[in-house]
Amino acid sequence: MSSPRTRRLALVAFFAAVSFSVSLALFSAPPAPRIAFTFDDLPAHGPLPPNETRLVVANKILAAFRAANLPPVYGFVNAATLEKEPADLAVLQAWRDAGNPLGNHTWSHMNLDQNSLEAFESEIVRDEPTLTGLMNHDDWHWFRYPYLAEGDTSSKHDAIRAFLAQRSYKIAAVTMSFSDYLWNEPYARCMAKGDSAAIAQLKSSYLSAADANITYYRQLSHTLYHRDVPYVLLMHIGALDAEMLPKLLDLYRSRGFRFITLPQAERNSFYRVDTNPSLPSTPDSLEDLLKSRHLPVPAAPAAPLDFNSLCR
């Protein structure tokens, strides 16, 4: 039978081994993936369901931010909508009052690929007074391309980057998306018809699409870097987005994500040409970077529904 001293030494050795194993596991564990949520098309995106307003949509989104303790979230503005609906300025004010910043998405959501360089530059400048009025001294010099269209020719692409650099803009890149905008129009139709089965289908497919795209974009990042880049997620200020945001945030948390701001994400070297548009352009999406390295790009998750036929 062992002596008390032998048993004590055995216990000390046991707990030392456990402590070392735990420390080793913590040391070797990969860091949690990080993601910055961003929202496009403020103050108005997509049709509204019956008895809902733009401000109701915005307040649902802002309430979800607060409940999940999200850091400040950039919203990208098309100020042209305020000419038709001046009351929607309340959406932008609520966004700012909640501590969230605003950025430039052009005056009227113009597609650079389908318009002249001069017209597009004018749209950027025309959007700025609304931003300066609401942002005061905070940083509004972040630009998101409508439709993520960066120019249909190399000359237009390079010229608009030079213009953005001249006006001290940084580009709000996108490294994760599940095309959330596709759900908002059929959701409004189905709500108007009271089709509860279709609404349930929209909600479940919305979350399953988000989950599938988490796997997809993390696969791209790990193929390139064997790790997660800090992701920038593209979202829209739509009615179903507002309804589903609490569950969507829960989904990202359940997949291990930590929420960060857009500027924090784009401090990563992956975004170097976005935060400094004066630099020569290089591939700025995970898909394009894979193509430039002659690596296979896996098929993106397919749309889960026929959105055009739903609730017609």
C-alpha atoms as a PDB file:
ATOM      1  CA  MET A   1       0.000   0.000   0.000  1.00  0.00           C
ATOM      2  CA  SER A   2       1.417   3.410  -0.999  1.00  0.00           C
ATOM      3  CA  SER A   3       2.320   5.995   1.605  1.00  0.00           C
ATOM      4  CA  PRO A   4       0.462   9.347   1.977  1.00  0.00           C
ATOM      5  CA  ARG A   5       3.527  11.105   0.571  1.00  0.00           C
ATOM      6  CA  THR A   6       3.516   8.878  -2.528  1.00  0.00           C
ATOM      7  CA  ARG A   7      -0.193   9.505  -3.066  1.00  0.00           C
ATOM      8  CA  ARG A   8       0.336  13.289  -2.767  1.00  0.00           C
ATOM      9  CA  LEU A   9       3.136  13.176  -5.310  1.00  0.00           C
ATOM     10  CA  ALA A  10       0.959  11.143  -7.661  1.00  0.00           C
ATOM     11  CA  LEU A  11      -1.870  13.695  -7.359  1.00  0.00           C
ATOM     12  CA  VAL A  12       0.512  16.593  -8.007  1.00  0.00           C
ATOM     13  CA  ALA A  13       1.830  14.827 -11.096  1.00  0.00           C
ATOM     14  CA  PHE A  14      -1.706  14.082 -12.291  1.00  0.00           C
ATOM     15  CA  PHE A  15      -2.939  17.677 -11.971  1.00  0.00           C
ATOM     16  CA  ALA A  16       0.251  18.998 -13.544  1.00  0.00           C
ATOM     17  CA  ALA A  17      -0.338  16.728 -16.546  1.00  0.00           C
ATOM     18  CA  VAL A  18      -3.963  17.829 -16.833  1.00  0.00           C
ATOM     19  CA  SER A  19      -2.948  21.492 -16.607  1.00  0.00           C
ATOM     20  CA  PHE A  20      -0.318  21.015 -19.302  1.00  0.00           C
ATOM     21  CA  SER A  21      -2.812  19.238 -21.572  1.00  0.00           C
ATOM     22  CA  VAL A  22      -5.386  22.010 -21.171  1.00  0.00           C
ATOM     23  CA  SER A  23      -2.760  24.686 -21.793  1.00  0.00           C
ATOM     24  CA  LEU A  24      -1.525  22.849 -24.875  1.00  0.00           C
ATOM     25  CA  ALA A  25      -5.071  22.537 -26.218  1.00  0.00           C
ATOM     26  CA  LEU A  26      -5.692  26.239 -25.692  1.00  0.00           C
ATOM     27  CA  PHE A  27      -2.397  27.130 -27.304  1.00  0.00           C
ATOM     28  CA  SER A  28      -3.008  24.975 -30.373  1.00  0.00           C
ATOM     29  CA  ALA A  29      -6.703  25.786 -30.849  1.00  0.00           C
ATOM     30  CA  PRO A  30      -7.357  27.875 -33.988  1.00  0.00           C
ATOM     31  CA  PRO A  31      -8.650  31.402 -33.346  1.00  0.00           C
ATOM     32  CA  ALA A  32     -12.373  31.983 -33.647  1.00  0.00           C
ATOM     33  CA  PRO A  33     -13.469  33.203 -37.085  1.00  0.00           C
ATOM     34  CA  ARG A  34     -14.365  36.897 -37.139  1.00  0.00           C
ATOM     35  CA  ILE A  35     -17.007  38.680 -39.174  1.00  0.00           C
ATOM     36  CA  ALA A  36     -18.179  42.238 -39.776  1.00  0.00           C
ATOM     37  CA  PHE A  37     -21.858  42.674 -40.627  1.00  0.00           C
ATOM     38  CA  THR A  38     -22.617  45.463 -43.133  1.00  0.00           C
ATOM     39  CA  PHE A  39     -25.976  46.586 -44.541  1.00  0.00           C
ATOM     40  CA  ASP A  40     -26.667  48.067 -47.976  1.00  0.00           C
ATOM     41  CA  ASP A  41     -29.455  50.196 -49.473  1.00  0.00           C
ATOM     42  CA  LEU A  42     -30.301  52.392 -46.502  1.00  0.00           C
ATOM     43  CA  PRO A  43     -32.879  53.778 -45.949  1.00  0.00           C
ATOM     44  CA  ALA A  44     -35.072  51.595 -48.198  1.00  0.00           C
ATOM     45  CA  HIS A  45     -34.603  48.151 -49.720  1.00  0.00           C
ATOM     46  CA  GLY A  46     -37.232  46.007 -51.386  1.00  0.00           C
ATOM     47  CA  PRO A  47     -41.020  46.079 -51.012  1.00  0.00           C
ATOM     48  CA  LEU A  48     -42.679  46.226 -47.622  1.00  0.00           C
ATOM     49  CA  PRO A  49     -45.197  43.746 -46.201  1.00  0.00           C
ATOM     50  CA  PRO A  50     -48.611  45.154 -45.247  1.00  0.00           C
ATOM     51  CA  ASN A  51     -48.685  47.446 -42.206  1.00  0.00           C
ATOM     52  CA  GLU A  52     -44.888  47.762 -42.058  1.00  0.00           C
ATOM     53  CA  THR A  53     -42.768  50.865 -42.532  1.00  0.00           C
ATOM     54  CA  ARG A  54     -39.114  51.489 -43.314  1.00  0.00           C
ATOM     55  CA  LEU A  55     -38.586  52.700 -39.769  1.00  0.00           C
ATOM     56  CA  VAL A  56     -40.169  49.546 -38.333  1.00  0.00           C
ATOM     57  CA  VAL A  57     -37.756  47.462 -40.422  1.00  0.00           C
ATOM     58  CA  ALA A  58     -34.789  49.532 -39.263  1.00  0.00           C
ATOM     59  CA  ASN A  59     -35.827  49.398 -35.609  1.00  0.00           C
ATOM     60  CA  LYS A  60     -36.099  45.587 -35.729  1.00  0.00           C
ATOM     61  CA  ILE A  61     -32.565  45.409 -37.107  1.00  0.00           C
ATOM     62  CA  LEU A  62     -31.236  47.867 -34.541  1.00  0.00           C
ATOM     63  CA  ALA A  63     -32.934  45.960 -31.714  1.00  0.00           C
ATOM     64  CA  ALA A  64     -31.231  42.757 -32.895  1.00  0.00           C
ATOM     65  CA  PHE A  65     -27.866  44.563 -32.881  1.00  0.00           C
ATOM     66  CA  ARG A  66     -28.430  45.656 -29.282  1.00  0.00           C
ATOM     67  CA  ALA A  67     -29.615  42.246 -28.097  1.00  0.00           C
ATOM     68  CA  ALA A  68     -26.541  40.549 -29.583  1.00  0.00           C
ATOM     69  CA  ASN A  69     -24.130  43.281 -28.408  1.00  0.00           C
ATOM     70  CA  LEU A  70     -22.851  43.844 -31.932  1.00  0.00           C
ATOM     71  CA  PRO A  71     -20.120  46.437 -32.403  1.00  0.00           C
ATOM     72  CA  PRO A  72     -20.993  49.395 -34.682  1.00  0.00           C
ATOM     73  CA  VAL A  73     -22.346  48.259 -38.053  1.00  0.00           C
ATOM     74  CA  TYR A  74     -21.854  50.262 -41.248  1.00  0.00           C
ATOM     75  CA  GLY A  75     -24.963  51.007 -43.306  1.00  0.00           C
ATOM     76  CA  PHE A  76     -24.459  52.106 -46.916  1.00  0.00           C
ATOM     77  CA  VAL A  77     -26.723  54.891 -48.140  1.00  0.00           C
ATOM     78  CA  ASN A  78     -28.551  55.657 -51.382  1.00  0.00           C
ATOM     79  CA  ALA A  79     -29.831  59.140 -50.562  1.00  0.00           C
ATOM     80  CA  ALA A  80     -31.953  59.436 -53.737  1.00  0.00           C
ATOM     81  CA  THR A  81     -34.770  57.557 -52.012  1.00  0.00           C
ATOM     82  CA  LEU A  82     -35.182  60.508 -49.643  1.00  0.00           C
ATOM     83  CA  GLU A  83     -36.446  62.660 -52.526  1.00  0.00           C
ATOM     84  CA  LYS A  84     -39.450  60.351 -52.913  1.00  0.00           C
ATOM     85  CA  GLU A  85     -39.923  59.608 -49.211  1.00  0.00           C
ATOM     86  CA  PRO A  86     -38.407  62.383 -47.047  1.00  0.00           C
ATOM     87  CA  ALA A  87     -39.802  60.650 -43.951  1.00  0.00           C
ATOM     88  CA  ASP A  88     -37.291  57.843 -44.481  1.00  0.00           C
ATOM     89  CA  LEU A  89     -34.601  60.177 -43.176  1.00  0.00           C
ATOM     90  CA  ALA A  90     -35.796  58.870 -39.803  1.00  0.00           C
ATOM     91  CA  VAL A  91     -34.235  55.503 -40.704  1.00  0.00           C
ATOM     92  CA  LEU A  92     -30.807  57.072 -41.142  1.00  0.00           C
ATOM     93  CA  GLN A  93     -31.206  59.101 -37.981  1.00  0.00           C
ATOM     94  CA  ALA A  94     -32.215  56.023 -35.983  1.00  0.00           C
ATOM     95  CA  TRP A  95     -29.178  54.184 -37.359  1.00  0.00           C
ATOM     96  CA  ARG A  96     -26.918  56.998 -36.203  1.00  0.00           C
ATOM     97  CA  ASP A  97     -28.664  57.439 -32.839  1.00  0.00           C
ATOM     98  CA  ALA A  98     -27.969  53.759 -32.162  1.00  0.00           C
ATOM     99  CA  GLY A  99     -24.239  54.407 -32.644  1.00  0.00           C
ATOM    100  CA  ASN A 100     -23.881  52.880 -36.104  1.00  0.00           C
ATOM    101  CA  PRO A 101     -21.924  54.597 -38.911  1.00  0.00           C
ATOM    102  CA  LEU A 102     -22.947  55.294 -42.499  1.00  0.00           C
ATOM    103  CA  GLY A 103     -21.051  54.972 -45.782  1.00  0.00           C
ATOM    104  CA  ASN A 104     -21.513  55.795 -49.473  1.00  0.00           C
ATOM    105  CA  HIS A 105     -23.421  53.472 -51.830  1.00  0.00           C
ATOM    106  CA  THR A 106     -23.905  56.138 -54.559  1.00  0.00           C
ATOM    107  CA  TRP A 107     -26.857  58.495 -54.814  1.00  0.00           C
ATOM    108  CA  SER A 108     -29.232  56.156 -56.652  1.00  0.00           C
ATOM    109  CA  HIS A 109     -27.593  52.706 -56.540  1.00  0.00           C
ATOM    110  CA  MET A 110     -25.992  53.184 -59.970  1.00  0.00           C
ATOM    111  CA  ASN A 111     -24.330  50.253 -61.722  1.00  0.00           C
ATOM    112  CA  LEU A 112     -20.838  51.302 -62.829  1.00  0.00           C
ATOM    113  CA  ASP A 113     -20.713  48.590 -65.496  1.00  0.00           C
ATOM    114  CA  GLN A 114     -23.748  50.106 -67.241  1.00  0.00           C
ATOM    115  CA  ASN A 115     -22.931  53.814 -66.913  1.00  0.00           C
ATOM    116  CA  SER A 116     -20.183  56.254 -67.724  1.00  0.00           C
ATOM    117  CA  LEU A 117     -17.340  56.988 -65.364  1.00  0.00           C
ATOM    118  CA  GLU A 118     -18.390  60.644 -65.177  1.00  0.00           C
ATOM    119  CA  ALA A 119     -21.973  59.784 -64.224  1.00  0.00           C
ATOM    120  CA  PHE A 120     -20.790  57.377 -61.555  1.00  0.00           C
ATOM    121  CA  GLU A 121     -18.374  59.895 -60.044  1.00  0.00           C
ATOM    122  CA  SER A 122     -21.193  62.422 -59.901  1.00  0.00           C
ATOM    123  CA  GLU A 123     -23.355  59.899 -58.020  1.00  0.00           C
ATOM    124  CA  ILE A 124     -20.662  59.408 -55.396  1.00  0.00           C
ATOM    125  CA  VAL A 125     -20.289  63.144 -54.819  1.00  0.00           C
ATOM    126  CA  ARG A 126     -24.049  63.717 -54.764  1.00  0.00           C
ATOM    127  CA  ASP A 127     -24.443  61.208 -51.939  1.00  0.00           C
ATOM    128  CA  GLU A 128     -21.898  62.934 -49.700  1.00  0.00           C
ATOM    129  CA  PRO A 129     -23.938  65.852 -48.223  1.00  0.00           C
ATOM    130  CA  THR A 130     -26.358  63.405 -46.588  1.00  0.00           C
ATOM    131  CA  LEU A 131     -23.437  61.517 -45.078  1.00  0.00           C
ATOM    132  CA  THR A 132     -21.643  64.601 -43.781  1.00  0.00           C
ATOM    133  CA  GLY A 133     -24.861  65.915 -42.276  1.00  0.00           C
ATOM    134  CA  LEU A 134     -25.537  62.724 -40.339  1.00  0.00           C
ATOM    135  CA  MET A 135     -22.016  61.575 -39.508  1.00  0.00           C
ATOM    136  CA  ASN A 136     -20.611  64.921 -38.281  1.00  0.00           C
ATOM    137  CA  HIS A 137     -16.930  64.231 -37.585  1.00  0.00           C
ATOM    138  CA  ASP A 138     -17.162  60.421 -37.708  1.00  0.00           C
ATOM    139  CA  ASP A 139     -15.639  58.485 -40.603  1.00  0.00           C
ATOM    140  CA  TRP A 140     -18.048  58.111 -43.533  1.00  0.00           C
ATOM    141  CA  HIS A 141     -15.331  57.573 -46.153  1.00  0.00           C
ATOM    142  CA  TRP A 142     -16.215  53.944 -46.856  1.00  0.00           C
ATOM    143  CA  PHE A 143     -17.613  53.062 -50.279  1.00  0.00           C
ATOM    144  CA  ARG A 144     -19.613  50.014 -51.352  1.00  0.00           C
ATOM    145  CA  TYR A 145     -20.071  49.410 -55.087  1.00  0.00           C
ATOM    146  CA  PRO A 146     -23.744  48.873 -56.027  1.00  0.00           C
ATOM    147  CA  TYR A 147     -24.195  45.362 -57.407  1.00  0.00           C
ATOM    148  CA  LEU A 148     -20.494  44.909 -56.492  1.00  0.00           C
ATOM    149  CA  ALA A 149     -19.841  46.133 -60.049  1.00  0.00           C
ATOM    150  CA  GLU A 150     -16.361  47.666 -60.214  1.00  0.00           C
ATOM    151  CA  GLY A 151     -16.246  48.592 -63.908  1.00  0.00           C
ATOM    152  CA  ASP A 152     -16.703  46.660 -67.129  1.00  0.00           C
ATOM    153  CA  THR A 153     -13.359  47.792 -68.554  1.00  0.00           C
ATOM    154  CA  SER A 154      -9.919  47.944 -66.982  1.00  0.00           C
ATOM    155  CA  SER A 155      -9.666  51.666 -67.699  1.00  0.00           C
ATOM    156  CA  LYS A 156     -12.969  52.409 -65.950  1.00  0.00           C
ATOM    157  CA  HIS A 157     -12.034  50.103 -63.071  1.00  0.00           C
ATOM    158  CA  ASP A 158      -8.687  51.834 -62.536  1.00  0.00           C
ATOM    159  CA  ALA A 159     -10.090  55.330 -62.990  1.00  0.00           C
ATOM    160  CA  ILE A 160     -12.809  54.929 -60.366  1.00  0.00           C
ATOM    161  CA  ARG A 161     -10.263  53.557 -57.910  1.00  0.00           C
ATOM    162  CA  ALA A 162      -8.119  56.650 -58.486  1.00  0.00           C
ATOM    163  CA  PHE A 163     -11.191  58.841 -57.951  1.00  0.00           C
ATOM    164  CA  LEU A 164     -12.026  57.062 -54.682  1.00  0.00           C
ATOM    165  CA  ALA A 165      -8.440  57.418 -53.488  1.00  0.00           C
ATOM    166  CA  GLN A 166      -8.466  61.123 -54.344  1.00  0.00           C
ATOM    167  CA  ARG A 167     -11.550  61.594 -52.157  1.00  0.00           C
ATOM    168  CA  SER A 168     -10.020  59.529 -49.297  1.00  0.00           C
ATOM    169  CA  TYR A 169     -12.381  56.579 -49.616  1.00  0.00           C
ATOM    170  CA  LYS A 170     -11.744  53.007 -48.567  1.00  0.00           C
ATOM    171  CA  ILE A 171     -13.661  50.241 -50.334  1.00  0.00           C
ATOM    172  CA  ALA A 172     -16.024  48.112 -48.276  1.00  0.00           C
ATOM    173  CA  ALA A 173     -15.150  44.708 -49.669  1.00  0.00           C
ATOM    174  CA  VAL A 174     -17.398  41.645 -49.492  1.00  0.00           C
ATOM    175  CA  THR A 175     -16.000  38.252 -48.523  1.00  0.00           C
ATOM    176  CA  MET A 176     -19.212  36.549 -47.447  1.00  0.00           C
ATOM    177  CA  SER A 177     -22.762  36.720 -48.777  1.00  0.00           C
ATOM    178  CA  PHE A 178     -25.762  34.460 -49.172  1.00  0.00           C
ATOM    179  CA  SER A 179     -27.746  36.826 -51.451  1.00  0.00           C
ATOM    180  CA  ASP A 180     -30.131  37.714 -48.652  1.00  0.00           C
ATOM    181  CA  TYR A 181     -31.882  40.264 -50.906  1.00  0.00           C
ATOM    182  CA  LEU A 182     -33.519  37.422 -52.857  1.00  0.00           C
ATOM    183  CA  TRP A 183     -35.846  36.654 -49.951  1.00  0.00           C
ATOM    184  CA  ASN A 184     -37.253  40.123 -49.309  1.00  0.00           C
ATOM    185  CA  GLU A 185     -39.562  40.562 -52.307  1.00  0.00           C
ATOM    186  CA  PRO A 186     -41.258  37.134 -52.092  1.00  0.00           C
ATOM    187  CA  TYR A 187     -41.597  37.617 -48.337  1.00  0.00           C
ATOM    188  CA  ALA A 188     -43.595  40.814 -48.912  1.00  0.00           C
ATOM    189  CA  ARG A 189     -45.816  39.026 -51.460  1.00  0.00           C
ATOM    190  CA  CYS A 190     -46.404  36.049 -49.189  1.00  0.00           C
ATOM    191  CA  MET A 191     -47.200  38.274 -46.219  1.00  0.00           C
ATOM    192  CA  ALA A 192     -49.737  40.158 -48.347  1.00  0.00           C
ATOM    193  CA  LYS A 193     -51.380  36.852 -49.295  1.00  0.00           C
ATOM    194  CA  GLY A 194     -51.176  35.454 -45.774  1.00  0.00           C
ATOM    195  CA  ASP A 195     -49.490  32.284 -47.058  1.00  0.00           C
ATOM    196  CA  SER A 196     -48.094  30.944 -43.790  1.00  0.00           C
ATOM    197  CA  ALA A 197     -46.634  27.788 -45.370  1.00  0.00           C
ATOM    198  CA  ALA A 198     -44.651  29.796 -47.916  1.00  0.00           C
ATOM    199  CA  ILE A 199     -43.499  32.227 -45.233  1.00  0.00           C
ATOM    200  CA  ALA A 200     -42.230  29.326 -43.114  1.00  0.00           C
ATOM    201  CA  GLN A 201     -40.417  27.953 -46.174  1.00  0.00           C
ATOM    202  CA  LEU A 202     -38.774  31.326 -46.789  1.00  0.00           C
ATOM    203  CA  LYS A 203     -37.608  31.601 -43.198  1.00  0.00           C
ATOM    204  CA  SER A 204     -36.136  28.110 -42.982  1.00  0.00           C
ATOM    205  CA  SER A 205     -34.416  28.361 -46.365  1.00  0.00           C
ATOM    206  CA  TYR A 206     -32.986  31.769 -45.424  1.00  0.00           C
ATOM    207  CA  LEU A 207     -31.119  30.249 -42.475  1.00  0.00           C
ATOM    208  CA  SER A 208     -30.066  27.114 -44.335  1.00  0.00           C
ATOM    209  CA  ALA A 209     -28.640  29.252 -47.171  1.00  0.00           C
ATOM    210  CA  ALA A 210     -26.698  31.381 -44.705  1.00  0.00           C
ATOM    211  CA  ASP A 211     -25.309  28.250 -43.066  1.00  0.00           C
ATOM    212  CA  ALA A 212     -24.290  26.697 -46.396  1.00  0.00           C
ATOM    213  CA  ASN A 213     -22.491  29.882 -47.406  1.00  0.00           C
ATOM    214  CA  ILE A 214     -20.580  30.004 -44.127  1.00  0.00           C
ATOM    215  CA  THR A 215     -19.137  26.602 -45.028  1.00  0.00           C
ATOM    216  CA  TYR A 216     -18.476  27.675 -48.613  1.00  0.00           C
ATOM    217  CA  TYR A 217     -16.566  30.882 -47.867  1.00  0.00           C
ATOM    218  CA  ARG A 218     -14.592  29.348 -45.042  1.00  0.00           C
ATOM    219  CA  GLN A 219     -13.553  26.594 -47.465  1.00  0.00           C
ATOM    220  CA  LEU A 220     -12.281  29.243 -49.907  1.00  0.00           C
ATOM    221  CA  SER A 221     -10.331  31.037 -47.179  1.00  0.00           C
ATOM    222  CA  HIS A 222      -8.775  27.838 -45.844  1.00  0.00           C
ATOM    223  CA  THR A 223      -7.792  26.740 -49.355  1.00  0.00           C
ATOM    224  CA  LEU A 224      -5.954  30.018 -49.834  1.00  0.00           C
ATOM    225  CA  TYR A 225      -4.543  30.668 -46.363  1.00  0.00           C
ATOM    226  CA  HIS A 226      -5.178  27.567 -44.215  1.00  0.00           C
ATOM    227  CA  ARG A 227      -7.059  29.902 -41.881  1.00  0.00           C
ATOM    228  CA  ASP A 228      -9.993  32.284 -41.767  1.00  0.00           C
ATOM    229  CA  VAL A 229      -9.580  35.805 -43.060  1.00  0.00           C
ATOM    230  CA  PRO A 230     -11.754  38.310 -41.177  1.00  0.00           C
ATOM    231  CA  TYR A 231     -14.953  38.181 -43.243  1.00  0.00           C
ATOM    232  CA  VAL A 232     -17.123  41.102 -44.350  1.00  0.00           C
ATOM    233  CA  LEU A 233     -20.753  40.031 -44.735  1.00  0.00           C
ATOM    234  CA  LEU A 234     -23.070  41.789 -47.187  1.00  0.00           C
ATOM    235  CA  MET A 235     -26.637  42.238 -45.932  1.00  0.00           C
ATOM    236  CA  HIS A 236     -29.594  44.467 -46.925  1.00  0.00           C
ATOM    237  CA  ILE A 237     -32.070  46.491 -44.896  1.00  0.00           C
ATOM    238  CA  GLY A 238     -35.038  44.384 -46.013  1.00  0.00           C
ATOM    239  CA  ALA A 239     -38.175  43.202 -44.266  1.00  0.00           C
ATOM    240  CA  LEU A 240     -37.289  39.509 -43.965  1.00  0.00           C
ATOM    241  CA  ASP A 241     -33.723  40.430 -43.028  1.00  0.00           C
ATOM    242  CA  ALA A 242     -35.173  42.382 -40.109  1.00  0.00           C
ATOM    243  CA  GLU A 243     -37.448  39.520 -39.095  1.00  0.00           C
ATOM    244  CA  MET A 244     -34.708  36.886 -39.261  1.00  0.00           C
ATOM    245  CA  LEU A 245     -31.731  38.831 -37.913  1.00  0.00           C
ATOM    246  CA  PRO A 246     -31.916  37.545 -34.295  1.00  0.00           C
ATOM    247  CA  LYS A 247     -31.839  33.939 -35.526  1.00  0.00           C
ATOM    248  CA  LEU A 248     -29.181  34.754 -38.104  1.00  0.00           C
ATOM    249  CA  LEU A 249     -26.908  36.236 -35.447  1.00  0.00           C
ATOM    250  CA  ASP A 250     -27.511  33.145 -33.308  1.00  0.00           C
ATOM    251  CA  LEU A 251     -26.474  31.012 -36.286  1.00  0.00           C
ATOM    252  CA  TYR A 252     -23.166  32.821 -36.725  1.00  0.00           C
ATOM    253  CA  ARG A 253     -22.503  32.568 -32.995  1.00  0.00           C
ATOM    254  CA  SER A 254     -23.259  28.849 -33.052  1.00  0.00           C
ATOM    255  CA  ARG A 255     -20.683  28.471 -35.842  1.00  0.00           C
ATOM    256  CA  GLY A 256     -18.079  30.062 -33.583  1.00  0.00           C
ATOM    257  CA  PHE A 257     -17.946  33.561 -35.073  1.00  0.00           C
ATOM    258  CA  ARG A 258     -16.896  36.665 -33.181  1.00  0.00           C
ATOM    259  CA  PHE A 259     -18.401  39.953 -34.363  1.00  0.00           C
ATOM    260  CA  ILE A 260     -16.088  42.826 -35.288  1.00  0.00           C
ATOM    261  CA  THR A 261     -16.384  46.145 -37.150  1.00  0.00           C
ATOM    262  CA  LEU A 262     -15.721  46.754 -40.824  1.00  0.00           C
ATOM    263  CA  PRO A 263     -12.533  48.775 -40.111  1.00  0.00           C
ATOM    264  CA  GLN A 264     -11.275  45.996 -37.826  1.00  0.00           C
ATOM    265  CA  ALA A 265     -11.849  43.376 -40.529  1.00  0.00           C
ATOM    266  CA  GLU A 266     -10.168  45.405 -43.239  1.00  0.00           C
ATOM    267  CA  ARG A 267      -6.996  45.941 -41.233  1.00  0.00           C
ATOM    268  CA  ASN A 268      -6.093  42.454 -42.409  1.00  0.00           C
ATOM    269  CA  SER A 269      -3.577  42.386 -45.262  1.00  0.00           C
ATOM    270  CA  PHE A 270      -6.122  40.633 -47.516  1.00  0.00           C
ATOM    271  CA  TYR A 271      -7.940  43.985 -47.830  1.00  0.00           C
ATOM    272  CA  ARG A 272      -4.864  46.097 -48.556  1.00  0.00           C
ATOM    273  CA  VAL A 273      -5.980  47.196 -52.029  1.00  0.00           C
ATOM    274  CA  ASP A 274      -9.452  48.041 -50.699  1.00  0.00           C
ATOM    275  CA  THR A 275      -8.285  50.278 -47.894  1.00  0.00           C
ATOM    276  CA  ASN A 276      -5.795  51.986 -50.232  1.00  0.00           C
ATOM    277  CA  PRO A 277      -7.385  52.336 -53.705  1.00  0.00           C
ATOM    278  CA  SER A 278      -4.317  54.212 -54.950  1.00  0.00           C
ATOM    279  CA  LEU A 279      -2.475  50.882 -55.045  1.00  0.00           C
ATOM    280  CA  PRO A 280      -2.548  48.805 -58.233  1.00  0.00           C
ATOM    281  CA  SER A 281      -5.635  46.620 -58.246  1.00  0.00           C
ATOM    282  CA  THR A 282      -5.347  42.929 -57.438  1.00  0.00           C
ATOM    283  CA  PRO A 283      -8.065  40.292 -56.907  1.00  0.00           C
ATOM    284  CA  ASP A 284     -10.136  41.441 -53.943  1.00  0.00           C
ATOM    285  CA  SER A 285     -12.542  38.553 -53.495  1.00  0.00           C
ATOM    286  CA  LEU A 286     -11.770  35.040 -52.351  1.00  0.00           C
ATOM    287  CA  GLU A 287     -13.158  33.593 -55.584  1.00  0.00           C
ATOM    288  CA  ASP A 288     -11.092  35.888 -57.815  1.00  0.00           C
ATOM    289  CA  LEU A 289      -7.950  35.232 -55.822  1.00  0.00           C
ATOM    290  CA  LEU A 290      -8.381  31.486 -56.292  1.00  0.00           C
ATOM    291  CA  LYS A 291      -8.828  32.012 -60.041  1.00  0.00           C
ATOM    292  CA  SER A 292      -5.715  34.199 -60.221  1.00  0.00           C
ATOM    293  CA  ARG A 293      -3.722  31.400 -58.613  1.00  0.00           C
ATOM    294  CA  HIS A 294      -5.189  28.838 -61.024  1.00  0.00           C
ATOM    295  CA  LEU A 295      -6.873  27.004 -58.171  1.00  0.00           C
ATOM    296  CA  PRO A 296     -10.296  25.397 -58.634  1.00  0.00           C
ATOM    297  CA  VAL A 297     -13.250  27.402 -57.354  1.00  0.00           C
ATOM    298  CA  PRO A 298     -15.925  25.087 -55.957  1.00  0.00           C
ATOM    299  CA  ALA A 299     -19.516  25.625 -57.013  1.00  0.00           C
ATOM    300  CA  ALA A 300     -21.331  28.077 -54.764  1.00  0.00           C
ATOM    301  CA  PRO A 301     -24.441  26.841 -52.957  1.00  0.00           C
ATOM    302  CA  ALA A 302     -27.444  26.996 -55.258  1.00  0.00           C
ATOM    303  CA  ALA A 303     -30.502  29.138 -54.580  1.00  0.00           C
ATOM    304  CA  PRO A 304     -32.826  26.979 -52.460  1.00  0.00           C
ATOM    305  CA  LEU A 305     -36.145  28.228 -53.896  1.00  0.00           C
ATOM    306  CA  ASP A 306     -37.778  29.485 -57.070  1.00  0.00           C
ATOM    307  CA  PHE A 307     -38.274  32.979 -55.669  1.00  0.00           C
ATOM    308  CA  ASN A 308     -40.056  34.370 -58.746  1.00  0.00           C
ATOM    309  CA  SER A 309     -42.901  31.860 -58.632  1.00  0.00           C
ATOM    310  CA  LEU A 310     -43.524  31.981 -54.887  1.00  0.00           C
ATOM    311  CA  CYS A 311     -46.853  33.564 -53.842  1.00  0.00           C
ATOM    312  CA  ARG A 312     -47.717  34.771 -57.363  1.00  0.00           C
END
